[in-house]
N, C-alpha and C. Protein backbone atom coordinates (compact mmCIF):
# COMPACT_ATOMS: atom_id res chain seq x y z
N MET A 1 0.62 -1.24 0.03
CA MET A 1 -0.03 -0.09 0.04
C MET A 1 0.88 1.39 -0.01
N SER A 2 0.57 2.15 -0.96
CA SER A 2 1.55 3.17 -1.17
C SER A 2 0.67 4.32 -0.06
N LYS A 3 2.00 5.31 0.43
CA LYS A 3 1.53 6.42 1.11
C LYS A 3 1.42 7.58 0.28
N GLU A 4 0.33 8.51 0.98
CA GLU A 4 0.08 9.73 0.22
C GLU A 4 0.21 10.91 1.25
N PHE A 5 1.07 11.53 0.90
CA PHE A 5 1.38 12.92 1.48
C PHE A 5 0.88 14.10 0.83
N VAL A 6 0.41 15.16 1.54
CA VAL A 6 -0.11 16.59 1.17
C VAL A 6 1.36 17.34 0.68
N ILE A 7 1.13 17.91 -0.30
CA ILE A 7 2.46 18.82 -0.64
C ILE A 7 2.42 20.03 0.54
N GLY A 8 3.50 20.03 0.94
CA GLY A 8 3.85 21.40 2.66
C GLY A 8 3.75 20.25 3.41
N ALA A 9 3.18 18.87 3.55
CA ALA A 9 3.13 18.54 5.02
C ALA A 9 4.94 17.94 5.27
N LYS A 10 4.42 17.87 6.62
CA LYS A 10 5.87 17.43 7.38
C LYS A 10 6.00 16.02 7.60
N VAL A 11 7.31 15.42 7.11
CA VAL A 11 7.43 14.28 7.05
C VAL A 11 8.85 13.44 8.10
N ARG A 12 9.18 12.46 8.46
CA ARG A 12 9.74 12.24 9.58
C ARG A 12 10.43 11.08 8.51
N VAL A 13 11.82 10.60 8.75
CA VAL A 13 12.54 9.54 8.05
C VAL A 13 12.11 8.43 9.07
N VAL A 14 11.92 7.59 8.84
CA VAL A 14 11.92 6.07 9.51
C VAL A 14 12.56 4.99 9.27
N ALA A 15 13.37 5.24 8.36
CA ALA A 15 14.28 4.14 7.82
C ALA A 15 15.58 4.88 6.68
N LEU A 16 16.37 4.54 6.70
CA LEU A 16 17.76 5.17 5.69
C LEU A 16 17.63 3.90 4.70
N PRO A 17 17.56 4.78 3.42
CA PRO A 17 18.00 3.89 2.44
C PRO A 17 19.32 3.72 1.74
N PRO A 18 19.60 3.00 1.14
CA PRO A 18 20.95 2.36 1.18
C PRO A 18 21.89 3.85 0.51
N TYR A 19 21.33 4.75 -0.13
CA TYR A 19 21.89 6.26 -0.59
C TYR A 19 20.45 6.77 -0.82
N VAL A 20 20.76 8.31 -1.10
CA VAL A 20 19.60 9.37 -1.47
C VAL A 20 20.20 9.89 -2.53
N LYS A 21 18.99 10.26 -3.56
CA LYS A 21 19.02 10.80 -4.70
C LYS A 21 19.01 12.46 -4.49
N THR A 22 19.81 13.27 -4.81
CA THR A 22 19.10 14.74 -4.83
C THR A 22 17.78 15.15 -5.90
N ALA A 23 17.27 16.01 -5.44
CA ALA A 23 16.24 16.68 -6.29
C ALA A 23 16.45 17.65 -7.03
N ASP A 24 17.93 17.63 -7.79
CA ASP A 24 17.95 19.08 -8.69
C ASP A 24 17.83 18.28 -9.78
N PRO A 25 17.97 19.21 -10.89
CA PRO A 25 17.47 18.86 -12.52
C PRO A 25 18.21 17.88 -13.02
N MET A 26 19.89 17.81 -12.89
CA MET A 26 20.89 16.59 -12.70
C MET A 26 20.91 16.10 -11.34
N PRO A 27 20.20 15.00 -11.07
CA PRO A 27 20.22 14.16 -9.72
C PRO A 27 21.33 13.60 -9.59
N MET A 28 22.15 13.64 -8.09
CA MET A 28 23.13 12.90 -7.76
C MET A 28 22.98 11.91 -7.12
N LEU A 29 23.79 10.78 -6.66
CA LEU A 29 23.46 9.90 -5.79
C LEU A 29 24.41 10.27 -4.56
N ARG A 30 23.77 10.43 -3.39
CA ARG A 30 24.73 10.80 -2.16
C ARG A 30 24.66 9.99 -0.99
N PRO A 31 25.56 9.60 0.04
CA PRO A 31 25.58 8.89 0.98
C PRO A 31 24.45 9.04 1.62
N PRO A 32 23.67 7.97 2.57
CA PRO A 32 22.95 8.08 3.42
C PRO A 32 22.80 9.12 4.67
N ASP A 33 24.30 9.62 4.61
CA ASP A 33 24.80 10.22 6.19
C ASP A 33 24.15 11.79 5.78
N VAL A 34 23.96 11.70 4.94
CA VAL A 34 23.19 13.55 4.42
C VAL A 34 21.94 13.74 5.01
N ILE A 35 21.31 12.73 5.39
CA ILE A 35 20.21 12.69 6.52
C ILE A 35 20.14 12.01 7.62
N TYR A 36 19.57 11.99 8.38
CA TYR A 36 19.49 11.26 10.02
C TYR A 36 18.13 10.73 10.30
N LEU A 37 17.85 9.51 10.84
CA LEU A 37 16.92 8.62 11.39
C LEU A 37 15.82 9.59 12.34
N GLY A 38 14.88 9.59 12.04
CA GLY A 38 14.10 10.97 12.85
C GLY A 38 13.78 12.10 12.20
N GLU A 39 14.90 12.71 11.09
CA GLU A 39 14.75 13.94 10.69
C GLU A 39 13.40 14.22 10.21
N GLU A 40 13.02 15.39 10.68
CA GLU A 40 11.84 15.96 9.79
C GLU A 40 12.17 16.82 8.53
N GLY A 41 11.15 16.59 7.77
CA GLY A 41 11.47 17.52 6.56
C GLY A 41 9.83 17.91 5.75
N THR A 42 9.91 18.49 4.48
CA THR A 42 8.91 19.18 4.27
C THR A 42 8.45 18.63 2.59
N VAL A 43 7.46 17.69 2.39
CA VAL A 43 7.01 17.55 0.91
C VAL A 43 6.90 18.67 0.09
N ILE A 44 7.77 18.88 -0.96
CA ILE A 44 7.81 19.80 -1.82
C ILE A 44 7.18 19.22 -3.35
N ASP A 45 6.68 18.00 -3.57
CA ASP A 45 6.53 17.41 -5.05
C ASP A 45 6.17 15.42 -4.92
N ARG A 46 5.47 15.50 -5.67
CA ARG A 46 5.23 14.08 -5.79
C ARG A 46 5.81 13.49 -7.07
N ARG A 47 7.02 12.35 -6.99
CA ARG A 47 7.31 12.03 -8.39
C ARG A 47 6.64 10.70 -8.45
N PRO A 48 7.05 10.01 -10.13
CA PRO A 48 6.49 8.83 -10.53
C PRO A 48 7.02 7.72 -9.04
N LYS A 49 6.56 6.74 -9.16
CA LYS A 49 7.01 5.33 -8.52
C LYS A 49 7.12 5.54 -7.35
N GLU A 50 6.03 5.87 -6.81
CA GLU A 50 6.05 6.17 -4.99
C GLU A 50 7.18 7.25 -4.53
N TYR A 51 7.76 7.87 -5.26
CA TYR A 51 9.14 8.69 -4.45
C TYR A 51 8.43 10.33 -4.58
N TRP A 52 9.03 11.19 -3.01
CA TRP A 52 8.68 12.42 -3.00
C TRP A 52 9.76 12.87 -2.72
N GLY A 53 9.31 14.20 -3.59
CA GLY A 53 10.53 15.04 -3.30
C GLY A 53 10.67 15.86 -1.44
N VAL A 54 11.75 15.46 -0.71
CA VAL A 54 11.57 16.47 0.79
C VAL A 54 12.46 17.32 0.64
N ARG A 55 12.32 18.35 1.32
CA ARG A 55 13.12 19.32 1.45
C ARG A 55 14.05 19.08 3.33
N PHE A 56 15.29 19.05 3.45
CA PHE A 56 15.77 18.75 4.70
C PHE A 56 16.69 19.80 4.93
N ALA A 57 17.28 19.76 5.93
CA ALA A 57 18.27 20.85 6.38
C ALA A 57 19.33 20.64 5.46
N LYS A 58 19.99 19.52 5.03
CA LYS A 58 20.90 19.60 4.38
C LYS A 58 20.71 19.43 2.62
N GLY A 59 19.34 19.80 2.37
CA GLY A 59 19.28 19.97 0.77
C GLY A 59 17.92 19.07 0.39
N THR A 60 17.48 19.03 -0.70
CA THR A 60 16.09 18.25 -0.98
C THR A 60 16.76 17.15 -1.89
N PHE A 61 15.71 16.23 -1.31
CA PHE A 61 15.98 14.45 -2.04
C PHE A 61 14.70 13.78 -2.17
N LEU A 62 14.93 12.95 -3.20
CA LEU A 62 14.17 12.33 -3.34
C LEU A 62 13.61 10.71 -2.50
N LEU A 63 12.82 10.68 -1.94
CA LEU A 63 12.80 9.65 -0.99
C LEU A 63 11.87 8.35 -1.47
N ASP A 64 11.58 7.23 -1.37
CA ASP A 64 10.28 6.26 -1.73
C ASP A 64 9.58 6.75 -0.60
N SER A 65 8.64 6.44 -0.46
CA SER A 65 7.40 6.31 0.30
C SER A 65 8.03 5.57 1.80
N GLN A 66 8.33 4.18 1.54
CA GLN A 66 8.48 3.50 2.51
C GLN A 66 9.95 3.82 3.29
N TYR A 67 10.50 4.83 3.02
CA TYR A 67 11.38 5.49 4.37
C TYR A 67 10.94 6.74 4.95
N ILE A 68 9.87 7.22 4.82
CA ILE A 68 9.38 8.42 5.34
C ILE A 68 7.84 7.76 5.96
N GLU A 69 7.19 8.64 7.03
CA GLU A 69 5.80 8.44 7.36
C GLU A 69 5.65 10.16 7.89
N SER A 70 4.24 10.77 8.15
CA SER A 70 3.68 11.69 8.30
C SER A 70 4.42 11.63 9.76
N ALA A 71 4.70 13.09 10.07
CA ALA A 71 5.09 13.69 11.42
C ALA A 71 4.18 13.83 12.28
N ASP A 72 3.04 13.95 11.87
CA ASP A 72 1.90 13.74 12.49
C ASP A 72 1.62 12.83 13.58
N ALA A 73 2.37 11.31 13.18
CA ALA A 73 1.93 10.28 13.67
C ALA A 73 3.20 10.09 14.26
N SER A 74 2.94 10.07 15.63
CA SER A 74 4.06 10.01 16.82
C SER A 74 4.19 8.52 17.16
N PRO A 75 5.65 7.87 17.29
CA PRO A 75 6.29 6.66 17.21
C PRO A 75 5.23 5.96 18.14
N GLU A 76 5.43 6.48 19.32
CA GLU A 76 4.33 5.69 20.49
C GLU A 76 3.09 5.19 20.07
N ALA A 77 2.26 6.00 19.15
CA ALA A 77 0.95 5.63 18.53
C ALA A 77 1.33 4.78 17.90
N PHE A 78 2.23 4.52 16.67
CA PHE A 78 2.58 3.56 16.09
C PHE A 78 2.77 2.13 17.21
N GLU A 79 3.69 2.28 17.88
CA GLU A 79 4.27 1.13 18.83
C GLU A 79 2.71 0.52 19.18
N ASN A 80 1.70 1.33 19.79
CA ASN A 80 1.01 0.85 21.02
C ASN A 80 -0.14 0.24 19.76
N SER A 81 -0.33 0.26 18.38
CA SER A 81 -1.25 -0.08 18.03
C SER A 81 -0.52 -1.42 17.38
N SER A 82 0.71 -1.40 17.25
CA SER A 82 1.46 -2.97 16.48
C SER A 82 1.27 -3.58 17.93
N GLU A 83 0.99 -3.22 18.93
CA GLU A 83 0.85 -4.56 19.94
C GLU A 83 -0.46 -5.04 20.05
N SER A 84 -1.14 -4.09 19.56
CA SER A 84 -2.72 -4.71 19.55
C SER A 84 -3.16 -5.96 18.94
């Protein structure tokens, strides 16, 4: 199931990909340490194949929806719902 986000929504990194791709007109691959687990960013656009352009402190990167979640969803709420 794909996750849907609204442009301008705050999202949180929940897992680090093996690399990240910049959202520049000429994209580059960067090591995953340019973002960190739990970092929050802002969704700036939607790309094909469940990729999202997200602006973080160190730049704007393309992330697959499996690596991000809405910042409104608290980690405690997720843990409690998975125990049921």
